[in-house]
N, C-alpha and C. Protein backbone atom coordinates (compact mmCIF):
# COMPACT_ATOMS: atom_id res chain seq x y z
N MET A 1 -41.21 95.18 -0.66
CA MET A 1 -41.89 95.85 -1.78
C MET A 1 -41.32 95.42 -3.13
N LYS A 2 -40.00 95.26 -3.16
CA LYS A 2 -39.35 94.88 -4.43
C LYS A 2 -39.79 93.50 -4.91
N PRO A 3 -39.86 92.48 -4.02
CA PRO A 3 -40.35 91.17 -4.48
C PRO A 3 -41.78 91.24 -5.01
N LEU A 4 -42.62 92.09 -4.39
CA LEU A 4 -44.00 92.25 -4.85
C LEU A 4 -44.06 92.84 -6.24
N LEU A 5 -43.20 93.85 -6.49
CA LEU A 5 -43.16 94.47 -7.82
C LEU A 5 -42.68 93.49 -8.87
N LYS A 6 -41.69 92.67 -8.49
CA LYS A 6 -41.20 91.63 -9.41
C LYS A 6 -42.29 90.63 -9.73
N SER A 7 -43.06 90.27 -8.69
CA SER A 7 -44.15 89.32 -8.87
C SER A 7 -45.22 89.88 -9.79
N ILE A 8 -45.56 91.15 -9.60
CA ILE A 8 -46.56 91.80 -10.45
C ILE A 8 -46.07 91.89 -11.88
N HIS A 9 -44.79 92.24 -12.04
CA HIS A 9 -44.19 92.34 -13.38
C HIS A 9 -44.24 90.99 -14.08
N TRP A 10 -43.87 89.91 -13.36
CA TRP A 10 -43.89 88.56 -13.93
C TRP A 10 -45.32 88.15 -14.27
N SER A 11 -46.28 88.46 -13.37
CA SER A 11 -47.67 88.08 -13.58
C SER A 11 -48.25 88.76 -14.82
N LEU A 12 -47.94 90.04 -14.99
CA LEU A 12 -48.42 90.77 -16.17
C LEU A 12 -47.81 90.20 -17.44
N GLY A 13 -46.51 89.90 -17.37
CA GLY A 13 -45.83 89.33 -18.53
C GLY A 13 -46.40 87.98 -18.92
N ILE A 14 -46.63 87.12 -17.93
CA ILE A 14 -47.13 85.78 -18.22
C ILE A 14 -48.58 85.84 -18.68
N ALA A 15 -49.33 86.86 -18.22
CA ALA A 15 -50.71 87.02 -18.67
C ALA A 15 -50.76 87.37 -20.16
N VAL A 16 -49.84 88.26 -20.57
CA VAL A 16 -49.77 88.63 -21.99
C VAL A 16 -49.36 87.43 -22.84
N ILE A 17 -48.36 86.67 -22.35
CA ILE A 17 -47.92 85.47 -23.07
C ILE A 17 -49.06 84.46 -23.20
N THR A 18 -49.82 84.30 -22.11
CA THR A 18 -50.96 83.37 -22.12
C THR A 18 -52.00 83.81 -23.14
N LEU A 19 -52.26 85.12 -23.19
CA LEU A 19 -53.23 85.65 -24.16
C LEU A 19 -52.81 85.33 -25.59
N VAL A 20 -51.55 85.55 -25.89
CA VAL A 20 -51.04 85.31 -27.24
C VAL A 20 -51.07 83.82 -27.58
N LEU A 21 -50.56 83.00 -26.65
CA LEU A 21 -50.52 81.56 -26.90
C LEU A 21 -51.91 80.96 -27.01
N ALA A 22 -52.83 81.43 -26.18
CA ALA A 22 -54.21 80.93 -26.23
C ALA A 22 -54.84 81.23 -27.58
N ALA A 23 -54.58 82.43 -28.09
CA ALA A 23 -55.10 82.81 -29.40
C ALA A 23 -54.50 81.92 -30.50
N ILE A 24 -53.19 81.69 -30.41
CA ILE A 24 -52.51 80.86 -31.42
C ILE A 24 -53.03 79.43 -31.37
N PHE A 25 -53.13 78.85 -30.16
CA PHE A 25 -53.64 77.50 -29.99
C PHE A 25 -55.06 77.38 -30.53
N SER A 26 -55.89 78.37 -30.22
CA SER A 26 -57.29 78.34 -30.63
C SER A 26 -57.43 78.39 -32.15
N ILE A 27 -56.66 79.30 -32.76
CA ILE A 27 -56.71 79.43 -34.22
C ILE A 27 -56.20 78.15 -34.89
N PHE A 28 -55.10 77.62 -34.37
CA PHE A 28 -54.49 76.43 -34.96
C PHE A 28 -55.42 75.22 -34.82
N SER A 29 -56.02 75.04 -33.63
CA SER A 29 -56.91 73.90 -33.42
C SER A 29 -58.17 74.02 -34.26
N THR A 30 -58.70 75.24 -34.38
CA THR A 30 -59.89 75.47 -35.22
C THR A 30 -59.58 75.15 -36.67
N PHE A 31 -58.39 75.56 -37.12
CA PHE A 31 -57.98 75.27 -38.51
C PHE A 31 -57.86 73.77 -38.74
N LEU A 32 -57.28 73.05 -37.76
CA LEU A 32 -57.12 71.60 -37.90
C LEU A 32 -58.45 70.87 -37.88
N LEU A 33 -59.39 71.35 -37.06
CA LEU A 33 -60.66 70.66 -36.90
C LEU A 33 -61.65 70.94 -38.02
N SER A 34 -61.47 72.05 -38.72
CA SER A 34 -62.43 72.42 -39.76
C SER A 34 -62.42 71.42 -40.90
N GLY A 35 -63.59 70.84 -41.16
CA GLY A 35 -63.74 69.93 -42.29
C GLY A 35 -63.30 68.51 -42.05
N VAL A 36 -62.85 68.17 -40.84
CA VAL A 36 -62.40 66.79 -40.58
C VAL A 36 -63.55 65.97 -40.01
N THR A 37 -63.41 64.65 -40.07
CA THR A 37 -64.42 63.76 -39.51
C THR A 37 -64.32 63.77 -37.98
N TRP A 38 -65.33 63.22 -37.33
CA TRP A 38 -65.33 63.22 -35.86
C TRP A 38 -64.19 62.36 -35.32
N ALA A 39 -63.82 61.28 -36.06
CA ALA A 39 -62.74 60.40 -35.60
C ALA A 39 -61.40 61.14 -35.61
N VAL A 40 -61.13 61.87 -36.68
CA VAL A 40 -59.91 62.66 -36.77
C VAL A 40 -59.93 63.77 -35.72
N GLY A 41 -61.11 64.36 -35.53
CA GLY A 41 -61.25 65.40 -34.51
C GLY A 41 -60.96 64.87 -33.13
N MET A 42 -61.42 63.67 -32.83
CA MET A 42 -61.16 63.06 -31.52
C MET A 42 -59.68 62.80 -31.34
N PHE A 43 -59.01 62.39 -32.41
CA PHE A 43 -57.56 62.18 -32.35
C PHE A 43 -56.84 63.49 -32.04
N ILE A 44 -57.27 64.58 -32.65
CA ILE A 44 -56.68 65.89 -32.39
C ILE A 44 -56.90 66.29 -30.93
N VAL A 45 -58.09 66.00 -30.41
CA VAL A 45 -58.38 66.29 -29.00
C VAL A 45 -57.42 65.52 -28.09
N LEU A 46 -57.19 64.25 -28.41
CA LEU A 46 -56.29 63.43 -27.60
C LEU A 46 -54.86 63.97 -27.65
N VAL A 47 -54.45 64.48 -28.81
CA VAL A 47 -53.12 65.08 -28.93
C VAL A 47 -53.01 66.33 -28.05
N ILE A 48 -54.06 67.14 -28.05
CA ILE A 48 -54.07 68.35 -27.20
C ILE A 48 -53.99 67.97 -25.73
N VAL A 49 -54.74 66.94 -25.33
CA VAL A 49 -54.70 66.46 -23.95
C VAL A 49 -53.30 65.97 -23.61
N LEU A 50 -52.68 65.24 -24.54
CA LEU A 50 -51.32 64.72 -24.32
C LEU A 50 -50.32 65.85 -24.14
N ILE A 51 -50.47 66.92 -24.91
CA ILE A 51 -49.59 68.08 -24.77
C ILE A 51 -49.70 68.66 -23.36
N GLY A 52 -50.93 68.78 -22.88
CA GLY A 52 -51.14 69.29 -21.53
C GLY A 52 -50.51 68.41 -20.47
N VAL A 53 -50.63 67.10 -20.63
CA VAL A 53 -50.06 66.14 -19.67
C VAL A 53 -48.54 66.22 -19.68
N ILE A 54 -47.95 66.29 -20.87
CA ILE A 54 -46.48 66.35 -20.98
C ILE A 54 -45.94 67.60 -20.31
N PHE A 55 -46.54 68.75 -20.58
CA PHE A 55 -46.05 70.00 -19.98
C PHE A 55 -46.28 70.03 -18.48
N ASP A 56 -47.37 69.44 -18.02
CA ASP A 56 -47.62 69.35 -16.59
C ASP A 56 -46.55 68.51 -15.92
N THR A 57 -46.17 67.41 -16.57
CA THR A 57 -45.11 66.54 -16.05
C THR A 57 -43.78 67.27 -15.98
N ILE A 58 -43.45 68.01 -17.03
CA ILE A 58 -42.20 68.77 -17.07
C ILE A 58 -42.18 69.83 -15.97
N GLY A 59 -43.29 70.52 -15.77
CA GLY A 59 -43.36 71.55 -14.74
C GLY A 59 -43.13 70.99 -13.34
N ILE A 60 -43.73 69.85 -13.06
CA ILE A 60 -43.54 69.22 -11.74
C ILE A 60 -42.11 68.72 -11.59
N ALA A 61 -41.56 68.16 -12.66
CA ALA A 61 -40.17 67.67 -12.62
C ALA A 61 -39.21 68.82 -12.32
N ALA A 62 -39.51 70.01 -12.84
CA ALA A 62 -38.64 71.18 -12.60
C ALA A 62 -38.59 71.53 -11.12
N THR A 63 -39.73 71.43 -10.44
CA THR A 63 -39.76 71.75 -9.01
C THR A 63 -39.19 70.62 -8.16
N ALA A 64 -39.22 69.39 -8.68
CA ALA A 64 -38.73 68.25 -7.91
C ALA A 64 -37.24 67.99 -8.12
N ALA A 65 -36.68 68.50 -9.22
CA ALA A 65 -35.28 68.21 -9.57
C ALA A 65 -34.30 68.94 -8.64
N ASN A 66 -33.16 68.29 -8.41
CA ASN A 66 -32.08 68.87 -7.61
C ASN A 66 -31.03 69.44 -8.55
N GLU A 67 -30.47 70.57 -8.17
CA GLU A 67 -29.51 71.26 -9.05
C GLU A 67 -28.15 70.56 -9.11
N LYS A 68 -27.77 69.86 -8.06
CA LYS A 68 -26.41 69.31 -7.96
C LYS A 68 -26.03 68.35 -9.09
N PRO A 69 -26.89 67.39 -9.45
CA PRO A 69 -26.49 66.47 -10.54
C PRO A 69 -26.16 67.18 -11.85
N PHE A 70 -26.83 68.29 -12.10
CA PHE A 70 -26.60 69.01 -13.35
C PHE A 70 -25.27 69.76 -13.33
N HIS A 71 -24.81 70.15 -12.14
CA HIS A 71 -23.48 70.75 -12.04
C HIS A 71 -22.42 69.72 -12.40
N ALA A 72 -22.62 68.49 -11.94
CA ALA A 72 -21.68 67.41 -12.27
C ALA A 72 -21.67 67.16 -13.77
N MET A 73 -22.87 67.17 -14.37
CA MET A 73 -22.96 66.97 -15.82
C MET A 73 -22.31 68.12 -16.58
N ALA A 74 -22.50 69.34 -16.05
CA ALA A 74 -21.92 70.52 -16.70
C ALA A 74 -20.41 70.48 -16.65
N SER A 75 -19.87 69.96 -15.53
CA SER A 75 -18.42 69.86 -15.41
C SER A 75 -17.84 68.87 -16.42
N GLU A 76 -18.67 67.92 -16.84
CA GLU A 76 -18.26 66.97 -17.87
C GLU A 76 -18.61 67.45 -19.27
N ARG A 77 -19.13 68.68 -19.33
CA ARG A 77 -19.49 69.35 -20.58
C ARG A 77 -20.54 68.59 -21.38
N LEU A 78 -21.52 68.04 -20.67
CA LEU A 78 -22.63 67.36 -21.34
C LEU A 78 -23.59 68.41 -21.90
N VAL A 79 -24.02 68.20 -23.12
CA VAL A 79 -24.91 69.14 -23.79
C VAL A 79 -26.24 69.24 -23.04
N GLY A 80 -26.64 70.46 -22.73
CA GLY A 80 -27.91 70.69 -22.07
C GLY A 80 -27.84 70.78 -20.56
N ALA A 81 -26.70 70.43 -19.97
CA ALA A 81 -26.57 70.43 -18.51
C ALA A 81 -26.71 71.85 -17.94
N LYS A 82 -26.08 72.82 -18.59
CA LYS A 82 -26.16 74.20 -18.09
C LYS A 82 -27.59 74.74 -18.18
N HIS A 83 -28.29 74.36 -19.21
CA HIS A 83 -29.68 74.77 -19.34
C HIS A 83 -30.55 74.10 -18.28
N ALA A 84 -30.21 72.86 -17.93
CA ALA A 84 -30.94 72.17 -16.87
C ALA A 84 -30.74 72.87 -15.53
N VAL A 85 -29.53 73.38 -15.30
CA VAL A 85 -29.25 74.15 -14.08
C VAL A 85 -30.14 75.39 -14.03
N LEU A 86 -30.24 76.07 -15.16
CA LEU A 86 -31.07 77.28 -15.22
C LEU A 86 -32.54 76.97 -15.00
N ILE A 87 -32.98 75.81 -15.47
CA ILE A 87 -34.37 75.41 -15.25
C ILE A 87 -34.65 75.23 -13.76
N THR A 88 -33.74 74.53 -13.07
CA THR A 88 -33.94 74.28 -11.64
C THR A 88 -33.86 75.57 -10.83
N ARG A 89 -33.01 76.51 -11.26
CA ARG A 89 -32.90 77.79 -10.55
C ARG A 89 -34.13 78.67 -10.76
N ASN A 90 -34.80 78.46 -11.87
CA ASN A 90 -36.02 79.22 -12.16
C ASN A 90 -37.24 78.31 -12.15
N ALA A 91 -37.21 77.32 -11.26
CA ALA A 91 -38.24 76.27 -11.24
C ALA A 91 -39.65 76.83 -11.05
N ASP A 92 -39.79 77.87 -10.21
CA ASP A 92 -41.12 78.42 -9.96
C ASP A 92 -41.73 79.01 -11.22
N LYS A 93 -40.95 79.82 -11.94
CA LYS A 93 -41.46 80.44 -13.17
C LYS A 93 -41.62 79.42 -14.29
N PHE A 94 -40.67 78.49 -14.37
CA PHE A 94 -40.74 77.47 -15.41
C PHE A 94 -41.96 76.59 -15.21
N ALA A 95 -42.22 76.19 -13.95
CA ALA A 95 -43.38 75.36 -13.63
C ALA A 95 -44.67 76.13 -13.88
N ASN A 96 -44.66 77.42 -13.56
CA ASN A 96 -45.84 78.25 -13.81
C ASN A 96 -46.19 78.28 -15.29
N PHE A 97 -45.17 78.41 -16.12
CA PHE A 97 -45.39 78.43 -17.57
C PHE A 97 -45.91 77.08 -18.06
N CYS A 98 -45.26 76.01 -17.63
CA CYS A 98 -45.63 74.67 -18.12
C CYS A 98 -46.99 74.22 -17.60
N ASN A 99 -47.19 74.35 -16.28
CA ASN A 99 -48.42 73.85 -15.66
C ASN A 99 -49.62 74.77 -15.89
N ASP A 100 -49.42 76.06 -15.62
CA ASP A 100 -50.55 76.98 -15.65
C ASP A 100 -50.83 77.52 -17.05
N VAL A 101 -49.80 77.91 -17.76
CA VAL A 101 -50.02 78.50 -19.08
C VAL A 101 -50.37 77.43 -20.11
N ILE A 102 -49.41 76.55 -20.41
CA ILE A 102 -49.64 75.53 -21.43
C ILE A 102 -50.68 74.51 -20.96
N GLY A 103 -50.58 74.08 -19.70
CA GLY A 103 -51.52 73.09 -19.18
C GLY A 103 -52.96 73.57 -19.21
N ASP A 104 -53.19 74.78 -18.71
CA ASP A 104 -54.56 75.32 -18.67
C ASP A 104 -55.09 75.62 -20.07
N ILE A 105 -54.23 76.15 -20.94
CA ILE A 105 -54.65 76.41 -22.31
C ILE A 105 -55.06 75.11 -23.00
N SER A 106 -54.27 74.06 -22.79
CA SER A 106 -54.59 72.76 -23.39
C SER A 106 -55.93 72.24 -22.89
N GLY A 107 -56.18 72.44 -21.59
CA GLY A 107 -57.45 72.00 -21.03
C GLY A 107 -58.64 72.73 -21.65
N ILE A 108 -58.51 74.04 -21.81
CA ILE A 108 -59.59 74.84 -22.39
C ILE A 108 -59.82 74.47 -23.86
N ILE A 109 -58.71 74.37 -24.61
CA ILE A 109 -58.82 74.07 -26.04
C ILE A 109 -59.38 72.67 -26.26
N SER A 110 -58.96 71.70 -25.43
CA SER A 110 -59.47 70.33 -25.58
C SER A 110 -60.97 70.28 -25.31
N GLY A 111 -61.46 71.10 -24.36
CA GLY A 111 -62.89 71.16 -24.09
C GLY A 111 -63.67 71.72 -25.26
N THR A 112 -63.14 72.79 -25.85
CA THR A 112 -63.79 73.40 -27.02
C THR A 112 -63.77 72.44 -28.20
N ALA A 113 -62.64 71.77 -28.41
CA ALA A 113 -62.51 70.83 -29.51
C ALA A 113 -63.45 69.64 -29.33
N SER A 114 -63.62 69.20 -28.08
CA SER A 114 -64.54 68.09 -27.80
C SER A 114 -65.97 68.45 -28.19
N ALA A 115 -66.37 69.68 -27.90
CA ALA A 115 -67.71 70.14 -28.27
C ALA A 115 -67.90 70.10 -29.79
N TYR A 116 -66.85 70.49 -30.51
CA TYR A 116 -66.90 70.45 -31.98
C TYR A 116 -67.04 69.02 -32.47
N VAL A 117 -66.30 68.10 -31.86
CA VAL A 117 -66.36 66.68 -32.26
C VAL A 117 -67.75 66.12 -32.00
N VAL A 118 -68.35 66.48 -30.88
CA VAL A 118 -69.70 66.00 -30.55
C VAL A 118 -70.70 66.48 -31.60
N ILE A 119 -70.59 67.74 -32.01
CA ILE A 119 -71.49 68.28 -33.02
C ILE A 119 -71.34 67.53 -34.34
N GLN A 120 -70.08 67.28 -34.74
CA GLN A 120 -69.82 66.57 -35.99
C GLN A 120 -70.39 65.16 -35.95
N LEU A 121 -70.20 64.47 -34.82
CA LEU A 121 -70.70 63.10 -34.68
C LEU A 121 -72.23 63.09 -34.67
N ALA A 122 -72.84 64.06 -33.98
CA ALA A 122 -74.29 64.14 -33.91
C ALA A 122 -74.89 64.39 -35.29
N LEU A 123 -74.27 65.26 -36.06
CA LEU A 123 -74.75 65.53 -37.42
C LEU A 123 -74.64 64.30 -38.30
N GLN A 124 -73.52 63.56 -38.13
CA GLN A 124 -73.32 62.35 -38.94
C GLN A 124 -74.36 61.29 -38.60
N LEU A 125 -74.74 61.22 -37.32
CA LEU A 125 -75.73 60.22 -36.89
C LEU A 125 -77.17 60.71 -37.09
N GLY A 126 -77.33 61.97 -37.49
CA GLY A 126 -78.66 62.49 -37.76
C GLY A 126 -79.40 63.00 -36.54
N TYR A 127 -78.68 63.30 -35.45
CA TYR A 127 -79.33 63.81 -34.24
C TYR A 127 -79.52 65.32 -34.36
N SER A 128 -80.59 65.82 -33.80
CA SER A 128 -80.81 67.26 -33.77
C SER A 128 -80.00 67.89 -32.63
N GLU A 129 -79.82 69.21 -32.69
CA GLU A 129 -78.98 69.90 -31.70
C GLU A 129 -79.54 69.81 -30.29
N THR A 130 -80.85 69.68 -30.16
CA THR A 130 -81.47 69.65 -28.83
C THR A 130 -81.91 68.24 -28.41
N SER A 131 -81.47 67.24 -29.15
CA SER A 131 -81.92 65.88 -28.86
C SER A 131 -81.22 65.32 -27.63
N ALA A 132 -81.86 64.33 -27.02
CA ALA A 132 -81.28 63.67 -25.84
C ALA A 132 -80.02 62.91 -26.22
N GLN A 133 -79.99 62.41 -27.45
CA GLN A 133 -78.81 61.66 -27.90
C GLN A 133 -77.56 62.53 -27.96
N GLN A 134 -77.72 63.75 -28.49
CA GLN A 134 -76.56 64.65 -28.55
C GLN A 134 -76.15 65.07 -27.14
N PHE A 135 -77.11 65.26 -26.26
CA PHE A 135 -76.79 65.60 -24.87
C PHE A 135 -75.99 64.48 -24.22
N ALA A 136 -76.39 63.23 -24.50
CA ALA A 136 -75.69 62.07 -23.94
C ALA A 136 -74.28 61.96 -24.52
N LEU A 137 -74.15 62.23 -25.83
CA LEU A 137 -72.83 62.20 -26.47
C LEU A 137 -71.91 63.27 -25.87
N SER A 138 -72.47 64.44 -25.62
CA SER A 138 -71.68 65.53 -25.04
C SER A 138 -71.16 65.15 -23.66
N ILE A 139 -72.02 64.55 -22.84
CA ILE A 139 -71.60 64.12 -21.50
C ILE A 139 -70.53 63.04 -21.60
N LEU A 140 -70.73 62.08 -22.52
CA LEU A 140 -69.79 60.98 -22.68
C LEU A 140 -68.40 61.48 -23.09
N PHE A 141 -68.36 62.33 -24.12
CA PHE A 141 -67.07 62.82 -24.62
C PHE A 141 -66.38 63.70 -23.59
N THR A 142 -67.14 64.57 -22.93
CA THR A 142 -66.57 65.44 -21.91
C THR A 142 -65.99 64.62 -20.76
N SER A 143 -66.70 63.59 -20.36
CA SER A 143 -66.24 62.73 -19.26
C SER A 143 -64.97 61.97 -19.64
N VAL A 144 -64.94 61.49 -20.87
CA VAL A 144 -63.76 60.75 -21.33
C VAL A 144 -62.53 61.65 -21.38
N VAL A 145 -62.70 62.85 -21.94
CA VAL A 145 -61.58 63.80 -22.02
C VAL A 145 -61.11 64.21 -20.63
N ALA A 146 -62.05 64.46 -19.72
CA ALA A 146 -61.69 64.83 -18.35
C ALA A 146 -60.95 63.70 -17.65
N ALA A 147 -61.43 62.46 -17.85
CA ALA A 147 -60.78 61.29 -17.23
C ALA A 147 -59.37 61.10 -17.76
N LEU A 148 -59.21 61.26 -19.07
CA LEU A 148 -57.88 61.11 -19.68
C LEU A 148 -56.93 62.20 -19.19
N THR A 149 -57.45 63.41 -19.05
CA THR A 149 -56.62 64.52 -18.60
C THR A 149 -56.16 64.32 -17.16
N VAL A 150 -57.11 64.03 -16.28
CA VAL A 150 -56.78 63.85 -14.86
C VAL A 150 -55.92 62.61 -14.65
N GLY A 151 -56.30 61.52 -15.30
CA GLY A 151 -55.52 60.29 -15.17
C GLY A 151 -54.11 60.43 -15.73
N GLY A 152 -54.01 61.10 -16.87
CA GLY A 152 -52.69 61.31 -17.48
C GLY A 152 -51.80 62.18 -16.61
N LYS A 153 -52.38 63.22 -16.02
CA LYS A 153 -51.59 64.10 -15.15
C LYS A 153 -51.18 63.39 -13.86
N ALA A 154 -52.04 62.49 -13.38
CA ALA A 154 -51.70 61.72 -12.18
C ALA A 154 -50.48 60.83 -12.44
N ILE A 155 -50.50 60.17 -13.60
CA ILE A 155 -49.35 59.34 -13.98
C ILE A 155 -48.11 60.21 -14.19
N GLY A 156 -48.33 61.36 -14.85
CA GLY A 156 -47.23 62.29 -15.11
C GLY A 156 -46.58 62.79 -13.84
N LYS A 157 -47.36 63.04 -12.80
CA LYS A 157 -46.81 63.51 -11.53
C LYS A 157 -45.90 62.45 -10.92
N THR A 158 -46.33 61.19 -10.96
CA THR A 158 -45.51 60.10 -10.42
C THR A 158 -44.20 59.98 -11.18
N VAL A 159 -44.30 60.03 -12.51
CA VAL A 159 -43.10 59.94 -13.35
C VAL A 159 -42.18 61.13 -13.09
N ALA A 160 -42.76 62.32 -12.97
CA ALA A 160 -41.97 63.54 -12.76
C ALA A 160 -41.19 63.50 -11.46
N ILE A 161 -41.80 63.00 -10.40
CA ILE A 161 -41.14 62.94 -9.10
C ILE A 161 -40.01 61.92 -9.09
N HIS A 162 -40.22 60.77 -9.71
CA HIS A 162 -39.23 59.70 -9.68
C HIS A 162 -38.11 59.87 -10.71
N TYR A 163 -38.41 60.58 -11.79
CA TYR A 163 -37.40 60.72 -12.86
C TYR A 163 -37.16 62.20 -13.19
N ALA A 164 -37.20 63.04 -12.16
CA ALA A 164 -37.06 64.48 -12.36
C ALA A 164 -35.75 64.85 -13.04
N THR A 165 -34.65 64.25 -12.59
CA THR A 165 -33.33 64.58 -13.15
C THR A 165 -33.25 64.25 -14.63
N ALA A 166 -33.70 63.06 -14.99
CA ALA A 166 -33.64 62.63 -16.39
C ALA A 166 -34.53 63.50 -17.27
N ILE A 167 -35.72 63.83 -16.78
CA ILE A 167 -36.65 64.65 -17.56
C ILE A 167 -36.09 66.05 -17.80
N ILE A 168 -35.62 66.68 -16.73
CA ILE A 168 -35.11 68.05 -16.86
C ILE A 168 -33.84 68.09 -17.70
N TYR A 169 -33.04 67.06 -17.63
CA TYR A 169 -31.84 67.03 -18.47
C TYR A 169 -32.23 66.98 -19.95
N GLN A 170 -33.23 66.18 -20.29
CA GLN A 170 -33.69 66.10 -21.68
C GLN A 170 -34.30 67.43 -22.13
N VAL A 171 -35.02 68.09 -21.24
CA VAL A 171 -35.56 69.41 -21.57
C VAL A 171 -34.42 70.41 -21.76
N GLY A 172 -33.39 70.30 -20.90
CA GLY A 172 -32.21 71.15 -21.05
C GLY A 172 -31.54 70.96 -22.40
N ARG A 173 -31.46 69.73 -22.85
CA ARG A 173 -30.89 69.44 -24.17
C ARG A 173 -31.73 70.09 -25.27
N LEU A 174 -33.06 70.01 -25.11
CA LEU A 174 -33.94 70.63 -26.10
C LEU A 174 -33.75 72.14 -26.14
N LEU A 175 -33.64 72.76 -24.96
CA LEU A 175 -33.42 74.21 -24.91
C LEU A 175 -32.08 74.58 -25.52
N TYR A 176 -31.09 73.72 -25.33
CA TYR A 176 -29.76 73.96 -25.94
C TYR A 176 -29.88 73.94 -27.47
N ILE A 177 -30.63 72.97 -27.99
CA ILE A 177 -30.82 72.87 -29.44
C ILE A 177 -31.55 74.10 -29.98
N LEU A 178 -32.58 74.54 -29.25
CA LEU A 178 -33.33 75.72 -29.67
C LEU A 178 -32.44 76.96 -29.67
N GLU A 179 -31.57 77.06 -28.67
CA GLU A 179 -30.70 78.23 -28.56
C GLU A 179 -29.62 78.23 -29.63
N VAL A 180 -29.02 77.07 -29.90
CA VAL A 180 -27.91 76.98 -30.85
C VAL A 180 -28.41 77.04 -32.29
N ASN A 181 -29.45 76.26 -32.60
CA ASN A 181 -29.90 76.15 -33.99
C ASN A 181 -30.91 77.22 -34.39
N LEU A 182 -31.82 77.59 -33.49
CA LEU A 182 -32.87 78.55 -33.84
C LEU A 182 -32.69 79.91 -33.17
N LYS A 183 -31.63 80.04 -32.36
CA LYS A 183 -31.34 81.30 -31.66
C LYS A 183 -32.48 81.73 -30.73
N ILE A 184 -33.19 80.76 -30.18
CA ILE A 184 -34.27 81.03 -29.22
C ILE A 184 -33.72 80.82 -27.82
N LYS A 185 -33.57 81.91 -27.08
CA LYS A 185 -32.98 81.83 -25.74
C LYS A 185 -34.07 82.00 -24.70
N ILE A 186 -34.27 80.96 -23.88
CA ILE A 186 -35.33 80.96 -22.89
C ILE A 186 -34.89 81.64 -21.60
N PHE A 187 -33.68 81.32 -21.14
CA PHE A 187 -33.19 81.84 -19.87
C PHE A 187 -31.97 82.72 -20.08
N SER A 188 -31.78 83.66 -19.15
CA SER A 188 -30.55 84.43 -19.12
C SER A 188 -29.46 83.56 -18.52
N SER A 189 -28.27 83.66 -19.02
CA SER A 189 -27.18 82.79 -18.56
C SER A 189 -26.41 83.39 -17.38
N ASN A 190 -26.94 84.48 -16.78
CA ASN A 190 -26.19 85.13 -15.71
C ASN A 190 -26.64 84.70 -14.32
N GLY A 191 -27.39 83.59 -14.23
CA GLY A 191 -27.87 83.14 -12.93
C GLY A 191 -26.74 82.83 -11.97
N LYS A 192 -25.68 82.21 -12.48
CA LYS A 192 -24.55 81.83 -11.64
C LYS A 192 -23.80 83.05 -11.12
N THR A 193 -23.65 84.05 -11.99
CA THR A 193 -22.95 85.27 -11.59
C THR A 193 -23.70 86.00 -10.49
N LYS A 194 -25.01 86.08 -10.63
CA LYS A 194 -25.82 86.75 -9.62
C LYS A 194 -25.72 86.05 -8.28
N ARG A 195 -25.72 84.73 -8.33
CA ARG A 195 -25.63 83.99 -7.08
C ARG A 195 -24.30 84.24 -6.39
N LYS A 196 -23.22 84.31 -7.16
CA LYS A 196 -21.90 84.58 -6.57
C LYS A 196 -21.85 85.97 -5.98
N GLU A 197 -22.45 86.94 -6.68
CA GLU A 197 -22.47 88.31 -6.19
C GLU A 197 -23.22 88.41 -4.87
N ASN A 198 -24.35 87.68 -4.76
CA ASN A 198 -25.11 87.70 -3.53
C ASN A 198 -24.33 87.12 -2.37
N LYS A 199 -23.59 86.03 -2.64
CA LYS A 199 -22.79 85.41 -1.59
C LYS A 199 -21.68 86.36 -1.13
N THR A 200 -21.10 87.09 -2.09
CA THR A 200 -20.01 88.01 -1.76
C THR A 200 -20.52 89.14 -0.86
N ARG A 201 -21.73 89.63 -1.17
CA ARG A 201 -22.30 90.70 -0.36
C ARG A 201 -22.57 90.26 1.08
N LYS A 202 -23.02 89.00 1.20
CA LYS A 202 -23.26 88.48 2.55
C LYS A 202 -21.96 88.38 3.34
């Protein structure tokens, strides 16, 4: 029963975070796209797709990474190694955030942004909203964005599996910088203590 309650608590929390982030992403992308040409809009769409691919890669790397190399790095006091350990210990939640929250939000926002770009391009070319030309443009842009997203994530998965340790270490360094310079703490640092306590009880 306790694991189920924890799962429900985590699910509710991540749902609220997704709601907030989705709203922020949507407002920010709408602000960027307003008044720009279709070419600039397409570039923004590609950036959004790239963000989704990068976070998807990081999420997979978190589940593929082994904790042991980071302990060795931590013993040598390498910056970010302890944060990398925390990422691997919380790989399920970290991957859920990267893949499902950021990845899915990026996919939704890129689709909405693509529709905006199609409208801008159609207006520039003089096509009406119900014309066959705009319908063809919509299919073309949607297909291109979908192909880039799926293809990019496929490449990202391969990279994540083969270079999981290097990727997670760099993410650990970034989390260290966020914690030290901006006071943004992603993980609790008591993971090691809890693990020792559990072993003692056994």
